[in-house]
PDB file of N, CA and C in Angstrom:
ATOM      1  N   MET A   1      96.499  95.286 100.303  1.00  0.00           N
ATOM      2  CA  MET A   1      96.811  96.382  99.244  1.00  0.00           C
ATOM      3  C   MET A   1      95.666  97.037  98.579  1.00  0.00           C
ATOM      4  N   THR A   2      95.442  98.109  98.198  1.00  0.00           N
ATOM      5  CA  THR A   2      94.373  98.296  97.381  1.00  0.00           C
ATOM      6  C   THR A   2      94.806  98.208  95.624  1.00  0.00           C
ATOM      7  N   ALA A   3      93.720  97.706  95.115  1.00  0.00           N
ATOM      8  CA  ALA A   3      93.847  97.838  93.579  1.00  0.00           C
ATOM      9  C   ALA A   3      94.863  99.114  93.296  1.00  0.00           C
ATOM     10  N   LEU A   4      94.352 100.337  93.495  1.00  0.00           N
ATOM     11  CA  LEU A   4      94.958 101.539  92.933  1.00  0.00           C
ATOM     12  C   LEU A   4      96.681 101.335  93.330  1.00  0.00           C
ATOM     13  N   ALA A   5      96.910 101.154  94.661  1.00  0.00           N
ATOM     14  CA  ALA A   5      98.723 100.910  94.751  1.00  0.00           C
ATOM     15  C   ALA A   5      99.014  99.749  94.118  1.00  0.00           C
ATOM     16  N   GLN A   6      98.029  98.454  94.192  1.00  0.00           N
ATOM     17  CA  GLN A   6      98.906  97.998  93.297  1.00  0.00           C
ATOM     18  C   GLN A   6      99.361  98.122  91.743  1.00  0.00           C
ATOM     19  N   GLU A   7      98.246  99.026  91.369  1.00  0.00           N
ATOM     20  CA  GLU A   7      98.830  99.661  89.686  1.00  0.00           C
ATOM     21  C   GLU A   7      99.611 100.436  89.877  1.00  0.00           C
ATOM     22  N   ILE A   8      99.558 101.196  90.775  1.00  0.00           N
ATOM     23  CA  ILE A   8     100.812 102.375  90.910  1.00  0.00           C
ATOM     24  C   ILE A   8     102.254 101.319  90.905  1.00  0.00           C
ATOM     25  N   LEU A   9     102.427 100.499  91.542  1.00  0.00           N
ATOM     26  CA  LEU A   9     103.694  99.597  91.419  1.00  0.00           C
ATOM     27  C   LEU A   9     103.725  98.935  90.572  1.00  0.00           C
ATOM     28  N   ASN A  10     102.699  98.595  89.709  1.00  0.00           N
ATOM     29  CA  ASN A  10     103.215  97.719  88.620  1.00  0.00           C
ATOM     30  C   ASN A  10     103.465  98.784  87.503  1.00  0.00           C
ATOM     31  N   ASN A  11     103.007 100.113  87.343  1.00  0.00           N
ATOM     32  CA  ASN A  11     103.763 101.096  86.584  1.00  0.00           C
ATOM     33  C   ASN A  11     104.856 101.708  86.775  1.00  0.00           C
ATOM     34  N   PHE A  12     105.262 101.406  88.039  1.00  0.00           N
ATOM     35  CA  PHE A  12     106.526 102.039  88.647  1.00  0.00           C
ATOM     36  C   PHE A  12     107.686 101.360  87.866  1.00  0.00           C
ATOM     37  N   ASP A  13     107.327  99.463  88.076  1.00  0.00           N
ATOM     38  CA  ASP A  13     108.081  98.433  87.714  1.00  0.00           C
ATOM     39  C   ASP A  13     108.145  98.742  85.858  1.00  0.00           C
ATOM     40  N   ARG A  14     107.450  99.355  85.257  1.00  0.00           N
ATOM     41  CA  ARG A  14     107.512  99.314  84.164  1.00  0.00           C
ATOM     42  C   ARG A  14     108.447 100.661  83.393  1.00  0.00           C
ATOM     43  N   LEU A  15     108.771 101.660  84.602  1.00  0.00           N
ATOM     44  CA  LEU A  15     110.063 102.605  84.146  1.00  0.00           C
ATOM     45  C   LEU A  15     111.217 102.303  84.218  1.00  0.00           C
ATOM     46  N   PRO A  16     111.781 103.174  83.454  1.00  0.00           N
ATOM     47  CA  PRO A  16     113.200 102.773  83.488  1.00  0.00           C
ATOM     48  C   PRO A  16     113.857 103.214  84.690  1.00  0.00           C
ATOM     49  N   ASP A  17     115.059 102.823  85.197  1.00  0.00           N
ATOM     50  CA  ASP A  17     115.762 102.815  86.296  1.00  0.00           C
ATOM     51  C   ASP A  17     116.191 104.408  86.548  1.00  0.00           C
ATOM     52  N   THR A  18     116.274 104.755  85.783  1.00  0.00           N
ATOM     53  CA  THR A  18     116.207 106.598  85.905  1.00  0.00           C
ATOM     54  C   THR A  18     114.975 107.316  86.700  1.00  0.00           C
ATOM     55  N   GLU A  19     114.227 106.641  86.104  1.00  0.00           N
ATOM     56  CA  GLU A  19     112.874 107.117  86.498  1.00  0.00           C
ATOM     57  C   GLU A  19     112.263 106.693  87.697  1.00  0.00           C
ATOM     58  N   GLN A  20     112.846 105.557  88.104  1.00  0.00           N
ATOM     59  CA  GLN A  20     112.361 105.029  89.039  1.00  0.00           C
ATOM     60  C   GLN A  20     112.783 105.304  90.628  1.00  0.00           C
ATOM     61  N   MET A  21     114.248 105.580  90.066  1.00  0.00           N
ATOM     62  CA  MET A  21     114.885 105.972  90.868  1.00  0.00           C
ATOM     63  C   MET A  21     114.557 107.760  91.863  1.00  0.00           C
ATOM     64  N   GLU A  22     114.195 108.645  90.600  1.00  0.00           N
ATOM     65  CA  GLU A  22     113.709 109.891  90.885  1.00  0.00           C
ATOM     66  C   GLU A  22     112.006 110.147  91.683  1.00  0.00           C
ATOM     67  N   ILE A  23     111.638 108.723  91.156  1.00  0.00           N
ATOM     68  CA  ILE A  23     110.020 108.638  91.901  1.00  0.00           C
ATOM     69  C   ILE A  23     110.519 108.294  93.465  1.00  0.00           C
ATOM     70  N   ALA A  24     111.488 107.249  93.898  1.00  0.00           N
ATOM     71  CA  ALA A  24     111.771 107.050  94.827  1.00  0.00           C
ATOM     72  C   ALA A  24     112.195 107.949  95.585  1.00  0.00           C
ATOM     73  N   LEU A  25     113.029 108.770  94.997  1.00  0.00           N
ATOM     74  CA  LEU A  25     113.787 109.892  96.281  1.00  0.00           C
ATOM     75  C   LEU A  25     112.556 110.989  96.521  1.00  0.00           C
ATOM     76  N   GLU A  26     111.827 110.884  95.231  1.00  0.00           N
ATOM     77  CA  GLU A  26     110.397 111.788  95.787  1.00  0.00           C
ATOM     78  C   GLU A  26     109.350 111.322  96.824  1.00  0.00           C
ATOM     79  N   ILE A  27     109.201 110.167  96.781  1.00  0.00           N
ATOM     80  CA  ILE A  27     108.620 109.509  98.043  1.00  0.00           C
ATOM     81  C   ILE A  27     109.179 109.413  99.523  1.00  0.00           C
ATOM     82  N   LEU A  28     110.253 109.162  99.407  1.00  0.00           N
ATOM     83  CA  LEU A  28     111.091 109.411 100.501  1.00  0.00           C
ATOM     84  C   LEU A  28     111.530 110.897 100.863  1.00  0.00           C
ATOM     85  N   ARG A  29     111.124 111.999 100.371  1.00  0.00           N
ATOM     86  CA  ARG A  29     111.350 113.102 100.888  1.00  0.00           C
ATOM     87  C   ARG A  29     109.689 113.406 101.572  1.00  0.00           C
ATOM     88  N   ARG A  30     108.698 112.857 100.521  1.00  0.00           N
ATOM     89  CA  ARG A  30     107.490 113.398 101.283  1.00  0.00           C
ATOM     90  C   ARG A  30     107.147 112.217 102.628  1.00  0.00           C
ATOM     91  N   ILE A  31     108.121 111.146 102.781  1.00  0.00           N
ATOM     92  CA  ILE A  31     107.687 110.432 104.068  1.00  0.00           C
ATOM     93  C   ILE A  31     108.386 110.593 105.116  1.00  0.00           C
ATOM     94  N   ILE A  32     109.090 111.642 105.090  1.00  0.00           N
ATOM     95  CA  ILE A  32     110.026 111.647 105.836  1.00  0.00           C
ATOM     96  C   ILE A  32     110.101 112.004 107.177  1.00  0.00           C
ATOM     97  N   ASN A  33     108.682 112.784 107.286  1.00  0.00           N
ATOM     98  CA  ASN A  33     108.220 113.463 108.746  1.00  0.00           C
ATOM     99  C   ASN A  33     107.108 112.839 109.223  1.00  0.00           C
ATOM    100  N   PHE A  34     106.642 111.808 108.631  1.00  0.00           N
ATOM    101  CA  PHE A  34     105.763 110.366 108.740  1.00  0.00           C
ATOM    102  C   PHE A  34     105.947 110.063 110.354  1.00  0.00           C
ATOM    103  N   ASP A  35     104.831 110.017 111.303  1.00  0.00           N
ATOM    104  CA  ASP A  35     105.427 109.861 112.246  1.00  0.00           C
ATOM    105  C   ASP A  35     105.200 108.141 112.525  1.00  0.00           C
ATOM    106  N   PHE A  36     106.330 107.670 112.192  1.00  0.00           N
ATOM    107  CA  PHE A  36     106.376 106.033 112.281  1.00  0.00           C
ATOM    108  C   PHE A  36     106.442 105.394 114.050  1.00  0.00           C
ATOM    109  N   PRO A  37     105.831 104.197 114.114  1.00  0.00           N
ATOM    110  CA  PRO A  37     106.153 103.592 115.448  1.00  0.00           C
ATOM    111  C   PRO A  37     107.250 103.050 115.597  1.00  0.00           C
ATOM    112  N   PRO A  38     107.672 102.949 116.686  1.00  0.00           N
ATOM    113  CA  PRO A  38     109.062 101.853 116.997  1.00  0.00           C
ATOM    114  C   PRO A  38     108.911 100.780 116.309  1.00  0.00           C
ATOM    115  N   LEU A  39     110.062 100.165 115.688  1.00  0.00           N
ATOM    116  CA  LEU A  39     110.054  99.156 115.222  1.00  0.00           C
ATOM    117  C   LEU A  39     110.675  97.740 116.536  1.00  0.00           C
ATOM    118  N   THR A  40     109.441  96.967 116.387  1.00  0.00           N
ATOM    119  CA  THR A  40     109.831  95.465 117.852  1.00  0.00           C
ATOM    120  C   THR A  40     110.802  94.837 117.467  1.00  0.00           C
ATOM    121  N   ASP A  41     111.148  94.378 118.087  1.00  0.00           N
ATOM    122  CA  ASP A  41     112.397  92.929 117.858  1.00  0.00           C
ATOM    123  C   ASP A  41     111.690  92.279 117.023  1.00  0.00           C
ATOM    124  N   GLU A  42     110.606  91.940 116.900  1.00  0.00           N
ATOM    125  CA  GLU A  42     110.151  91.102 115.815  1.00  0.00           C
ATOM    126  C   GLU A  42     110.172  91.521 114.610  1.00  0.00           C
ATOM    127  N   ASP A  43     109.740  93.016 114.684  1.00  0.00           N
ATOM    128  CA  ASP A  43     109.755  93.322 113.060  1.00  0.00           C
ATOM    129  C   ASP A  43     111.587  93.174 112.818  1.00  0.00           C
ATOM    130  N   LEU A  44     111.991  93.817 113.770  1.00  0.00           N
ATOM    131  CA  LEU A  44     114.013  93.551 113.358  1.00  0.00           C
ATOM    132  C   LEU A  44     114.180  91.966 112.968  1.00  0.00           C
ATOM    133  N   THR A  45     113.949  91.217 113.265  1.00  0.00           N
ATOM    134  CA  THR A  45     114.002  89.800 113.799  1.00  0.00           C
ATOM    135  C   THR A  45     113.389  89.804 111.936  1.00  0.00           C
ATOM    136  N   LEU A  46     112.325  89.596 111.600  1.00  0.00           N
ATOM    137  CA  LEU A  46     111.607  89.701 110.294  1.00  0.00           C
ATOM    138  C   LEU A  46     112.498  90.163 109.120  1.00  0.00           C
ATOM    139  N   SER A  47     112.852  91.416 109.241  1.00  0.00           N
ATOM    140  CA  SER A  47     113.619  92.091 108.677  1.00  0.00           C
ATOM    141  C   SER A  47     114.984  91.550 108.096  1.00  0.00           C
ATOM    142  N   ALA A  48     115.690  91.039 109.367  1.00  0.00           N
ATOM    143  CA  ALA A  48     116.998  90.362 109.122  1.00  0.00           C
ATOM    144  C   ALA A  48     117.019  89.411 108.371  1.00  0.00           C
ATOM    145  N   GLU A  49     115.860  88.381 108.592  1.00  0.00           N
ATOM    146  CA  GLU A  49     115.620  87.015 107.972  1.00  0.00           C
ATOM    147  C   GLU A  49     115.383  87.260 106.519  1.00  0.00           C
ATOM    148  N   GLU A  50     114.595  87.895 106.313  1.00  0.00           N
ATOM    149  CA  GLU A  50     114.566  88.539 104.523  1.00  0.00           C
ATOM    150  C   GLU A  50     115.634  88.993 103.982  1.00  0.00           C
ATOM    151  N   LEU A  51     116.486  89.794 104.574  1.00  0.00           N
ATOM    152  CA  LEU A  51     117.750  90.217 104.015  1.00  0.00           C
ATOM    153  C   LEU A  51     118.394  89.371 104.070  1.00  0.00           C
ATOM    154  N   PHE A  52     118.676  88.352 104.939  1.00  0.00           N
ATOM    155  CA  PHE A  52     119.622  86.784 104.949  1.00  0.00           C
ATOM    156  C   PHE A  52     119.217  85.902 103.821  1.00  0.00           C
ATOM    157  N   LEU A  53     117.789  85.915 103.656  1.00  0.00           N
ATOM    158  CA  LEU A  53     117.522  84.845 102.422  1.00  0.00           C
ATOM    159  C   LEU A  53     117.971  85.379 101.105  1.00  0.00           C
ATOM    160  N   ALA A  54     117.554  86.675 101.162  1.00  0.00           N
ATOM    161  CA  ALA A  54     117.868  87.242  99.589  1.00  0.00           C
ATOM    162  C   ALA A  54     119.537  87.434  99.635  1.00  0.00           C
ATOM    163  N   LEU A  55     120.248  87.359 100.785  1.00  0.00           N
ATOM    164  CA  LEU A  55     121.922  87.571 100.288  1.00  0.00           C
ATOM    165  C   LEU A  55     121.818  85.839 100.216  1.00  0.00           C
ATOM    166  N   ASP A  56     121.603  84.725 100.642  1.00  0.00           N
ATOM    167  CA  ASP A  56     121.767  83.467 100.525  1.00  0.00           C
ATOM    168  C   ASP A  56     121.534  83.313  99.047  1.00  0.00           C
ATOM    169  N   GLN A  57     120.293  83.697  98.345  1.00  0.00           N
ATOM    170  CA  GLN A  57     120.111  83.229  96.953  1.00  0.00           C
ATOM    171  C   GLN A  57     121.032  84.217  96.313  1.00  0.00           C
ATOM    172  N   GLN A  58     121.792  85.154  96.529  1.00  0.00           N
ATOM    173  CA  GLN A  58     122.278  86.286  95.386  1.00  0.00           C
ATOM    174  C   GLN A  58     124.177  85.271  95.497  1.00  0.00           C
ATOM    175  N   GLU A  59     124.253  84.826  96.537  1.00  0.00           N
ATOM    176  CA  GLU A  59     125.672  84.008  97.033  1.00  0.00           C
ATOM    177  C   GLU A  59     125.871  83.440  95.623  1.00  0.00           C
ATOM    178  N   PRO A  60     125.198  82.134  95.036  1.00  0.00           N
ATOM    179  CA  PRO A  60     125.641  81.485  94.031  1.00  0.00           C
ATOM    180  C   PRO A  60     126.314  82.355  92.990  1.00  0.00           C
ATOM    181  N   GLY A  61     125.745  83.409  93.000  1.00  0.00           N
ATOM    182  CA  GLY A  61     125.859  84.172  91.612  1.00  0.00           C
ATOM    183  C   GLY A  61     127.689  84.820  91.624  1.00  0.00           C
ATOM    184  N   TYR A  62     127.871  84.935  92.631  1.00  0.00           N
ATOM    185  CA  TYR A  62     128.908  85.488  93.203  1.00  0.00           C
ATOM    186  C   TYR A  62     130.514  84.519  93.436  1.00  0.00           C
ATOM    187  N   GLU A  63     129.834  83.269  93.267  1.00  0.00           N
ATOM    188  CA  GLU A  63     131.086  81.953  93.221  1.00  0.00           C
ATOM    189  C   GLU A  63     132.001  81.830  91.945  1.00  0.00           C
TER     190      GLU A  63
END
């Protein structure tokens, strides 16, 4: 990731939640027509693994 991209993300993280939501929605509107390559089985597996690890970390808070 470039320094500029990292700076944008750092600035985004400092915004209030409402502004983060507005920016996120605008970015989604802009990328909806991108031609993304199809996800591989490996991509899906890695994404699922990240999700399950995140859920495992949150689980103790629900008990």
